[in-house]
Amino acid sequence: MKIRTTLLSLLFISSPSFSGEPEFIAFAVKQAHNQGFTGCDTAIKKIYENAGGADIRINVTKHNDNPNQFTMVGTWGSKGDSVFNKVTLFKVGAQCKYDLTSIIQSSKSCMAYAKGVPALEYVGETGDYVWMENKGGVNAVLHPTGLGCTIIFNLDQKA
């Protein structure tokens, strides 16, 4: 179940990573290289380390005004178990930093979802959105959608 694997890796950044499909990871790195963006391979591999399922799609945006910035939008998984991911990578000297947003859709209610993920702690509510966070600094914003819940994860990280 790729959603659960991606979720767990976001929630427990310091825990061992789960293994994705190597060809998907290589595809993500190749997409960046094809646009002339190099130097962030370690970060890209980490971002897509859980990518798997029936297919992967990646769209890249090269920022012509800033060659040290690059954006990737990806989706992967299978029907009923898929991930939307948007990441902007920034090269700062020898480091590569990134801002990652991942979205999953749960068939559980937001309340049931939150209870099922004890690493998330309640922060507050704004309108229809419930803000939660784990000790590693990963933000989760829950929004009721129909009978389920849309969960948006956000993480700033150095690789």
N, C-alpha and C. Protein backbone atom coordinates (compact mmCIF):
# COMPACT_ATOMS: atom_id res chain seq x y z
N MET A 1 0.85 -1.17 0.00
CA MET A 1 0.00 0.00 0.00
C MET A 1 0.90 1.23 0.00
N LYS A 2 1.02 1.88 -1.15
CA LYS A 2 1.96 2.99 -1.32
C LYS A 2 1.56 4.23 -0.53
N ILE A 3 0.27 4.49 -0.37
CA ILE A 3 -0.15 5.66 0.41
C ILE A 3 0.37 5.53 1.83
N ARG A 4 0.16 4.39 2.43
CA ARG A 4 0.59 4.19 3.81
C ARG A 4 2.11 4.30 3.92
N THR A 5 2.82 3.75 2.95
CA THR A 5 4.27 3.82 2.96
C THR A 5 4.74 5.26 2.85
N THR A 6 4.15 6.03 1.94
CA THR A 6 4.52 7.44 1.79
C THR A 6 4.19 8.21 3.05
N LEU A 7 3.01 7.98 3.60
CA LEU A 7 2.60 8.64 4.83
C LEU A 7 3.58 8.34 5.96
N LEU A 8 3.91 7.08 6.12
CA LEU A 8 4.81 6.71 7.20
C LEU A 8 6.18 7.35 7.04
N SER A 9 6.67 7.43 5.80
CA SER A 9 7.98 8.05 5.61
C SER A 9 7.92 9.54 5.91
N LEU A 10 6.81 10.19 5.64
CA LEU A 10 6.67 11.60 5.96
C LEU A 10 6.58 11.81 7.47
N LEU A 11 5.86 10.93 8.14
CA LEU A 11 5.65 11.10 9.57
C LEU A 11 6.88 10.75 10.40
N PHE A 12 7.65 9.82 9.93
CA PHE A 12 8.80 9.35 10.70
C PHE A 12 10.07 9.56 9.88
N ILE A 13 10.40 10.81 9.63
CA ILE A 13 11.51 11.16 8.77
C ILE A 13 12.80 10.47 9.20
N SER A 14 13.00 10.29 10.49
CA SER A 14 14.25 9.69 10.95
C SER A 14 14.22 8.17 10.95
N SER A 15 13.07 7.56 10.66
CA SER A 15 13.00 6.10 10.67
C SER A 15 13.51 5.54 9.35
N PRO A 16 13.79 4.24 9.30
CA PRO A 16 14.28 3.64 8.06
C PRO A 16 13.29 3.87 6.93
N SER A 17 13.81 4.12 5.75
CA SER A 17 12.94 4.37 4.61
C SER A 17 12.40 3.05 4.06
N PHE A 18 11.29 3.16 3.39
CA PHE A 18 10.70 2.02 2.73
C PHE A 18 11.20 2.02 1.30
N SER A 19 11.20 0.87 0.68
CA SER A 19 11.76 0.75 -0.65
C SER A 19 10.69 0.96 -1.72
N GLY A 20 10.96 1.88 -2.65
CA GLY A 20 10.09 2.10 -3.78
C GLY A 20 10.58 1.30 -4.98
N GLU A 21 10.01 1.56 -6.12
CA GLU A 21 10.41 0.87 -7.34
C GLU A 21 11.58 1.63 -7.96
N PRO A 22 12.74 0.98 -8.07
CA PRO A 22 13.96 1.66 -8.54
C PRO A 22 13.79 2.36 -9.89
N GLU A 23 13.00 1.78 -10.79
CA GLU A 23 12.83 2.43 -12.10
C GLU A 23 12.05 3.73 -11.99
N PHE A 24 11.15 3.85 -11.01
CA PHE A 24 10.43 5.10 -10.80
C PHE A 24 11.37 6.17 -10.26
N ILE A 25 12.24 5.77 -9.33
CA ILE A 25 13.21 6.71 -8.75
C ILE A 25 14.15 7.20 -9.85
N ALA A 26 14.65 6.27 -10.65
CA ALA A 26 15.56 6.62 -11.75
C ALA A 26 14.85 7.53 -12.76
N PHE A 27 13.57 7.29 -13.01
CA PHE A 27 12.79 8.12 -13.92
C PHE A 27 12.71 9.55 -13.41
N ALA A 28 12.49 9.71 -12.11
CA ALA A 28 12.40 11.06 -11.53
C ALA A 28 13.73 11.80 -11.69
N VAL A 29 14.83 11.14 -11.38
CA VAL A 29 16.14 11.77 -11.52
C VAL A 29 16.40 12.14 -12.98
N LYS A 30 16.03 11.23 -13.89
CA LYS A 30 16.23 11.47 -15.33
C LYS A 30 15.44 12.69 -15.81
N GLN A 31 14.24 12.88 -15.28
CA GLN A 31 13.43 14.03 -15.69
C GLN A 31 14.13 15.34 -15.34
N ALA A 32 14.76 15.39 -14.17
CA ALA A 32 15.50 16.59 -13.77
C ALA A 32 16.72 16.77 -14.68
N HIS A 33 17.46 15.69 -14.89
CA HIS A 33 18.67 15.77 -15.73
C HIS A 33 18.33 16.19 -17.16
N ASN A 34 17.20 15.70 -17.68
CA ASN A 34 16.79 16.07 -19.04
C ASN A 34 16.56 17.57 -19.19
N GLN A 35 16.26 18.24 -18.09
CA GLN A 35 16.06 19.69 -18.11
C GLN A 35 17.32 20.44 -17.68
N GLY A 36 18.42 19.71 -17.52
CA GLY A 36 19.69 20.34 -17.16
C GLY A 36 19.83 20.64 -15.68
N PHE A 37 18.96 20.07 -14.85
CA PHE A 37 19.02 20.32 -13.41
C PHE A 37 19.76 19.15 -12.76
N THR A 38 20.96 19.43 -12.26
CA THR A 38 21.76 18.41 -11.60
C THR A 38 22.21 18.93 -10.24
N GLY A 39 22.73 18.04 -9.43
CA GLY A 39 23.23 18.44 -8.13
C GLY A 39 22.27 18.19 -6.99
N CYS A 40 21.07 17.69 -7.30
CA CYS A 40 20.08 17.39 -6.26
C CYS A 40 19.61 15.94 -6.34
N ASP A 41 20.43 15.08 -6.89
CA ASP A 41 20.02 13.68 -7.07
C ASP A 41 19.66 13.01 -5.75
N THR A 42 20.43 13.27 -4.70
CA THR A 42 20.14 12.66 -3.39
C THR A 42 18.77 13.08 -2.90
N ALA A 43 18.43 14.35 -3.03
CA ALA A 43 17.12 14.84 -2.60
C ALA A 43 16.02 14.22 -3.44
N ILE A 44 16.19 14.18 -4.75
CA ILE A 44 15.17 13.61 -5.64
C ILE A 44 14.95 12.15 -5.31
N LYS A 45 16.02 11.41 -5.08
CA LYS A 45 15.88 9.99 -4.72
C LYS A 45 15.12 9.82 -3.41
N LYS A 46 15.40 10.70 -2.45
CA LYS A 46 14.69 10.63 -1.16
C LYS A 46 13.21 10.96 -1.33
N ILE A 47 12.91 11.98 -2.13
CA ILE A 47 11.53 12.41 -2.35
C ILE A 47 10.71 11.30 -3.00
N TYR A 48 11.30 10.58 -3.94
CA TYR A 48 10.59 9.55 -4.69
C TYR A 48 10.91 8.13 -4.21
N GLU A 49 11.52 7.99 -3.03
CA GLU A 49 11.94 6.68 -2.56
C GLU A 49 10.79 5.70 -2.37
N ASN A 50 9.57 6.19 -2.24
CA ASN A 50 8.42 5.30 -2.06
C ASN A 50 7.52 5.23 -3.28
N ALA A 51 7.94 5.85 -4.36
CA ALA A 51 7.10 5.86 -5.57
C ALA A 51 6.95 4.45 -6.11
N GLY A 52 5.75 4.09 -6.41
CA GLY A 52 5.48 2.77 -6.96
C GLY A 52 4.04 2.67 -7.39
N GLY A 53 3.64 1.50 -7.77
CA GLY A 53 2.28 1.27 -8.21
C GLY A 53 2.23 0.94 -9.69
N ALA A 54 1.13 1.30 -10.33
CA ALA A 54 0.92 0.94 -11.73
C ALA A 54 1.64 1.87 -12.70
N ASP A 55 1.91 3.10 -12.28
CA ASP A 55 2.48 4.08 -13.20
C ASP A 55 3.01 5.27 -12.41
N ILE A 56 3.86 6.05 -13.04
CA ILE A 56 4.32 7.30 -12.45
C ILE A 56 4.32 8.35 -13.54
N ARG A 57 3.91 9.53 -13.21
CA ARG A 57 3.94 10.68 -14.12
C ARG A 57 4.65 11.81 -13.41
N ILE A 58 5.52 12.50 -14.14
CA ILE A 58 6.22 13.64 -13.57
C ILE A 58 6.26 14.76 -14.59
N ASN A 59 5.89 15.95 -14.13
CA ASN A 59 5.99 17.15 -14.95
C ASN A 59 7.03 18.04 -14.26
N VAL A 60 7.93 18.60 -15.05
CA VAL A 60 8.99 19.43 -14.47
C VAL A 60 8.88 20.86 -14.96
N THR A 61 9.26 21.78 -14.10
CA THR A 61 9.29 23.20 -14.45
C THR A 61 10.68 23.73 -14.16
N LYS A 62 11.34 24.14 -15.20
CA LYS A 62 12.65 24.75 -15.07
C LYS A 62 12.43 26.24 -14.91
N HIS A 63 13.02 26.83 -13.90
CA HIS A 63 12.86 28.25 -13.63
C HIS A 63 14.00 29.00 -14.33
N ASN A 64 13.73 29.52 -15.52
CA ASN A 64 14.77 30.16 -16.32
C ASN A 64 15.40 31.36 -15.62
N ASP A 65 14.63 32.04 -14.77
CA ASP A 65 15.16 33.19 -14.06
C ASP A 65 16.04 32.80 -12.88
N ASN A 66 15.96 31.51 -12.46
CA ASN A 66 16.79 31.03 -11.36
C ASN A 66 17.19 29.58 -11.64
N PRO A 67 18.36 29.36 -12.22
CA PRO A 67 18.78 28.00 -12.55
C PRO A 67 19.01 27.10 -11.34
N ASN A 68 19.01 27.68 -10.14
CA ASN A 68 19.18 26.90 -8.92
C ASN A 68 17.86 26.46 -8.30
N GLN A 69 16.76 26.66 -9.03
CA GLN A 69 15.43 26.28 -8.54
C GLN A 69 14.76 25.43 -9.60
N PHE A 70 14.05 24.39 -9.15
CA PHE A 70 13.43 23.43 -10.06
C PHE A 70 12.20 22.86 -9.39
N THR A 71 11.10 22.69 -10.12
CA THR A 71 9.86 22.16 -9.55
C THR A 71 9.45 20.89 -10.28
N MET A 72 9.03 19.90 -9.50
CA MET A 72 8.55 18.63 -10.05
C MET A 72 7.16 18.35 -9.47
N VAL A 73 6.22 17.98 -10.34
CA VAL A 73 4.90 17.53 -9.92
C VAL A 73 4.78 16.08 -10.36
N GLY A 74 4.46 15.20 -9.43
CA GLY A 74 4.37 13.78 -9.75
C GLY A 74 3.14 13.13 -9.17
N THR A 75 2.69 12.10 -9.85
CA THR A 75 1.62 11.25 -9.33
C THR A 75 2.05 9.81 -9.56
N TRP A 76 1.69 8.94 -8.63
CA TRP A 76 1.97 7.53 -8.80
C TRP A 76 1.01 6.73 -7.95
N GLY A 77 1.03 5.43 -8.17
CA GLY A 77 0.17 4.53 -7.42
C GLY A 77 -0.78 3.79 -8.33
N SER A 78 -1.87 3.36 -7.74
CA SER A 78 -2.91 2.62 -8.44
C SER A 78 -4.26 3.21 -8.03
N LYS A 79 -5.29 2.89 -8.77
CA LYS A 79 -6.63 3.37 -8.43
C LYS A 79 -6.93 3.05 -6.97
N GLY A 80 -7.38 4.05 -6.23
CA GLY A 80 -7.71 3.88 -4.82
C GLY A 80 -6.51 3.93 -3.89
N ASP A 81 -5.32 4.05 -4.43
CA ASP A 81 -4.11 4.06 -3.62
C ASP A 81 -3.04 4.85 -4.37
N SER A 82 -3.21 6.17 -4.42
CA SER A 82 -2.29 6.98 -5.21
C SER A 82 -1.87 8.23 -4.45
N VAL A 83 -0.80 8.84 -4.94
CA VAL A 83 -0.19 9.98 -4.28
C VAL A 83 0.00 11.10 -5.31
N PHE A 84 -0.30 12.33 -4.91
CA PHE A 84 0.04 13.55 -5.67
C PHE A 84 1.16 14.21 -4.89
N ASN A 85 2.19 14.65 -5.61
CA ASN A 85 3.38 15.17 -4.95
C ASN A 85 3.88 16.38 -5.72
N LYS A 86 4.15 17.49 -5.04
CA LYS A 86 4.76 18.66 -5.67
C LYS A 86 5.94 19.08 -4.82
N VAL A 87 7.09 19.22 -5.47
CA VAL A 87 8.31 19.59 -4.75
C VAL A 87 9.05 20.67 -5.53
N THR A 88 9.53 21.66 -4.80
CA THR A 88 10.42 22.66 -5.38
C THR A 88 11.77 22.47 -4.71
N LEU A 89 12.79 22.28 -5.55
CA LEU A 89 14.16 22.07 -5.08
C LEU A 89 14.95 23.35 -5.25
N PHE A 90 15.82 23.63 -4.28
CA PHE A 90 16.66 24.82 -4.29
C PHE A 90 18.10 24.41 -4.06
N LYS A 91 18.99 24.74 -4.98
CA LYS A 91 20.41 24.50 -4.75
C LYS A 91 20.98 25.73 -4.07
N VAL A 92 21.59 25.52 -2.92
CA VAL A 92 22.22 26.59 -2.15
C VAL A 92 23.64 26.12 -1.87
N GLY A 93 24.58 26.62 -2.66
CA GLY A 93 25.95 26.13 -2.55
C GLY A 93 25.98 24.65 -2.89
N ALA A 94 26.56 23.85 -1.99
CA ALA A 94 26.64 22.41 -2.20
C ALA A 94 25.40 21.68 -1.68
N GLN A 95 24.51 22.40 -1.00
CA GLN A 95 23.31 21.79 -0.43
C GLN A 95 22.15 21.87 -1.39
N CYS A 96 21.22 20.94 -1.21
CA CYS A 96 19.96 20.96 -1.94
C CYS A 96 18.85 20.95 -0.91
N LYS A 97 18.05 21.97 -0.89
CA LYS A 97 16.91 22.06 0.02
C LYS A 97 15.64 21.88 -0.81
N TYR A 98 14.57 21.49 -0.14
CA TYR A 98 13.32 21.35 -0.88
C TYR A 98 12.11 21.61 -0.01
N ASP A 99 11.04 21.98 -0.68
CA ASP A 99 9.73 22.19 -0.07
C ASP A 99 8.80 21.18 -0.74
N LEU A 100 8.29 20.24 0.03
CA LEU A 100 7.51 19.13 -0.49
C LEU A 100 6.07 19.18 0.00
N THR A 101 5.13 19.02 -0.90
CA THR A 101 3.72 18.88 -0.56
C THR A 101 3.21 17.59 -1.18
N SER A 102 2.63 16.72 -0.36
CA SER A 102 2.04 15.47 -0.84
C SER A 102 0.58 15.44 -0.43
N ILE A 103 -0.25 14.92 -1.32
CA ILE A 103 -1.69 14.85 -1.05
C ILE A 103 -2.15 13.41 -1.24
N ILE A 104 -2.89 12.91 -0.26
CA ILE A 104 -3.53 11.61 -0.40
C ILE A 104 -5.01 11.77 -0.07
N GLN A 105 -5.80 10.84 -0.55
CA GLN A 105 -7.23 10.82 -0.29
C GLN A 105 -7.54 9.57 0.51
N SER A 106 -8.19 9.73 1.65
CA SER A 106 -8.55 8.59 2.48
C SER A 106 -10.06 8.38 2.41
N SER A 107 -10.48 7.13 2.42
CA SER A 107 -11.92 6.83 2.46
C SER A 107 -12.45 6.96 3.89
N LYS A 108 -11.54 7.09 4.87
CA LYS A 108 -11.95 7.29 6.27
C LYS A 108 -12.33 8.75 6.48
N SER A 109 -13.13 9.00 7.50
CA SER A 109 -13.41 10.38 7.88
C SER A 109 -12.12 10.98 8.42
N CYS A 110 -12.04 12.31 8.46
CA CYS A 110 -10.84 12.96 8.98
C CYS A 110 -10.60 12.59 10.44
N MET A 111 -11.69 12.48 11.22
CA MET A 111 -11.55 12.12 12.63
C MET A 111 -10.98 10.71 12.76
N ALA A 112 -11.51 9.77 11.99
CA ALA A 112 -11.02 8.40 12.04
C ALA A 112 -9.58 8.33 11.55
N TYR A 113 -9.27 9.10 10.52
CA TYR A 113 -7.91 9.11 9.99
C TYR A 113 -6.94 9.62 11.05
N ALA A 114 -7.27 10.73 11.68
CA ALA A 114 -6.39 11.32 12.70
C ALA A 114 -6.20 10.37 13.88
N LYS A 115 -7.25 9.68 14.29
CA LYS A 115 -7.13 8.72 15.40
C LYS A 115 -6.24 7.55 15.01
N GLY A 116 -6.21 7.22 13.73
CA GLY A 116 -5.42 6.09 13.26
C GLY A 116 -3.95 6.40 13.07
N VAL A 117 -3.57 7.66 13.22
CA VAL A 117 -2.18 8.07 13.05
C VAL A 117 -1.75 8.81 14.33
N PRO A 118 -1.36 8.05 15.36
CA PRO A 118 -1.05 8.67 16.65
C PRO A 118 0.14 9.62 16.62
N ALA A 119 0.99 9.55 15.60
CA ALA A 119 2.13 10.47 15.52
C ALA A 119 1.69 11.90 15.25
N LEU A 120 0.48 12.07 14.72
CA LEU A 120 -0.03 13.41 14.45
C LEU A 120 -0.68 14.00 15.70
N GLU A 121 -0.31 15.22 16.00
CA GLU A 121 -0.89 15.92 17.14
C GLU A 121 -1.71 17.11 16.64
N TYR A 122 -2.84 17.31 17.25
CA TYR A 122 -3.74 18.40 16.90
C TYR A 122 -3.08 19.75 17.17
N VAL A 123 -3.20 20.67 16.20
CA VAL A 123 -2.67 22.03 16.35
C VAL A 123 -3.80 23.03 16.44
N GLY A 124 -4.77 22.94 15.53
CA GLY A 124 -5.88 23.88 15.54
C GLY A 124 -6.74 23.70 14.30
N GLU A 125 -7.77 24.55 14.21
CA GLU A 125 -8.69 24.49 13.07
C GLU A 125 -8.88 25.88 12.51
N THR A 126 -8.98 25.94 11.20
CA THR A 126 -9.31 27.17 10.48
C THR A 126 -10.34 26.82 9.42
N GLY A 127 -11.54 27.34 9.57
CA GLY A 127 -12.60 27.01 8.62
C GLY A 127 -12.84 25.52 8.60
N ASP A 128 -12.77 24.92 7.41
CA ASP A 128 -13.01 23.49 7.24
C ASP A 128 -11.74 22.65 7.40
N TYR A 129 -10.64 23.26 7.78
CA TYR A 129 -9.36 22.57 7.82
C TYR A 129 -8.89 22.31 9.24
N VAL A 130 -8.39 21.10 9.48
CA VAL A 130 -7.82 20.72 10.77
C VAL A 130 -6.31 20.61 10.57
N TRP A 131 -5.56 21.35 11.36
CA TRP A 131 -4.10 21.35 11.28
C TRP A 131 -3.54 20.40 12.32
N MET A 132 -2.59 19.57 11.87
CA MET A 132 -1.92 18.64 12.76
C MET A 132 -0.44 18.66 12.44
N GLU A 133 0.38 18.14 13.34
CA GLU A 133 1.83 18.13 13.13
C GLU A 133 2.42 16.96 13.90
N ASN A 134 3.54 16.44 13.39
CA ASN A 134 4.26 15.43 14.16
C ASN A 134 5.49 16.05 14.78
N LYS A 135 6.18 15.32 15.61
CA LYS A 135 7.36 15.85 16.30
C LYS A 135 8.50 16.16 15.34
N GLY A 136 8.50 15.55 14.16
CA GLY A 136 9.53 15.80 13.16
C GLY A 136 9.30 17.05 12.34
N GLY A 137 8.20 17.74 12.59
CA GLY A 137 7.92 18.99 11.88
C GLY A 137 7.11 18.85 10.61
N VAL A 138 6.55 17.66 10.36
CA VAL A 138 5.71 17.48 9.19
C VAL A 138 4.32 17.98 9.52
N ASN A 139 3.83 18.92 8.72
CA ASN A 139 2.47 19.44 8.88
C ASN A 139 1.50 18.58 8.09
N ALA A 140 0.34 18.33 8.66
CA ALA A 140 -0.73 17.63 7.97
C ALA A 140 -1.97 18.49 8.10
N VAL A 141 -2.60 18.80 6.98
CA VAL A 141 -3.83 19.56 6.97
C VAL A 141 -4.92 18.63 6.47
N LEU A 142 -5.95 18.41 7.30
CA LEU A 142 -7.03 17.49 6.96
C LEU A 142 -8.26 18.29 6.54
N HIS A 143 -8.89 17.83 5.47
CA HIS A 143 -10.09 18.50 4.97
C HIS A 143 -11.12 17.44 4.60
N PRO A 144 -12.32 17.48 5.23
CA PRO A 144 -13.36 16.52 4.89
C PRO A 144 -13.79 16.69 3.43
N THR A 145 -13.86 15.57 2.72
CA THR A 145 -14.32 15.58 1.33
C THR A 145 -15.29 14.42 1.14
N GLY A 146 -16.55 14.74 0.94
CA GLY A 146 -17.56 13.69 0.79
C GLY A 146 -17.58 12.82 2.03
N LEU A 147 -17.43 11.52 1.83
CA LEU A 147 -17.41 10.58 2.95
C LEU A 147 -16.00 10.34 3.47
N GLY A 148 -15.00 10.95 2.85
CA GLY A 148 -13.62 10.70 3.23
C GLY A 148 -12.91 11.95 3.69
N CYS A 149 -11.59 11.93 3.52
CA CYS A 149 -10.75 13.02 3.99
C CYS A 149 -9.59 13.21 3.01
N THR A 150 -9.30 14.45 2.69
CA THR A 150 -8.10 14.78 1.93
C THR A 150 -7.04 15.22 2.92
N ILE A 151 -5.86 14.62 2.82
CA ILE A 151 -4.78 14.94 3.74
C ILE A 151 -3.64 15.54 2.94
N ILE A 152 -3.21 16.74 3.33
CA ILE A 152 -2.14 17.45 2.65
C ILE A 152 -0.96 17.53 3.61
N PHE A 153 0.16 16.94 3.21
CA PHE A 153 1.37 16.95 4.02
C PHE A 153 2.32 17.97 3.45
N ASN A 154 3.04 18.68 4.32
CA ASN A 154 4.02 19.66 3.88
C ASN A 154 5.29 19.47 4.71
N LEU A 155 6.43 19.52 4.02
CA LEU A 155 7.71 19.31 4.68
C LEU A 155 8.77 20.14 4.01
N ASP A 156 9.56 20.85 4.77
CA ASP A 156 10.77 21.52 4.27
C ASP A 156 11.93 20.67 4.76
N GLN A 157 12.82 20.35 3.86
CA GLN A 157 13.88 19.43 4.24
C GLN A 157 15.17 19.71 3.49
N LYS A 158 16.29 19.40 4.10
CA LYS A 158 17.59 19.43 3.43
C LYS A 158 17.98 18.01 3.11
N ALA A 159 18.64 17.81 2.01
CA ALA A 159 19.12 16.46 1.66
C ALA A 159 20.62 16.44 1.63
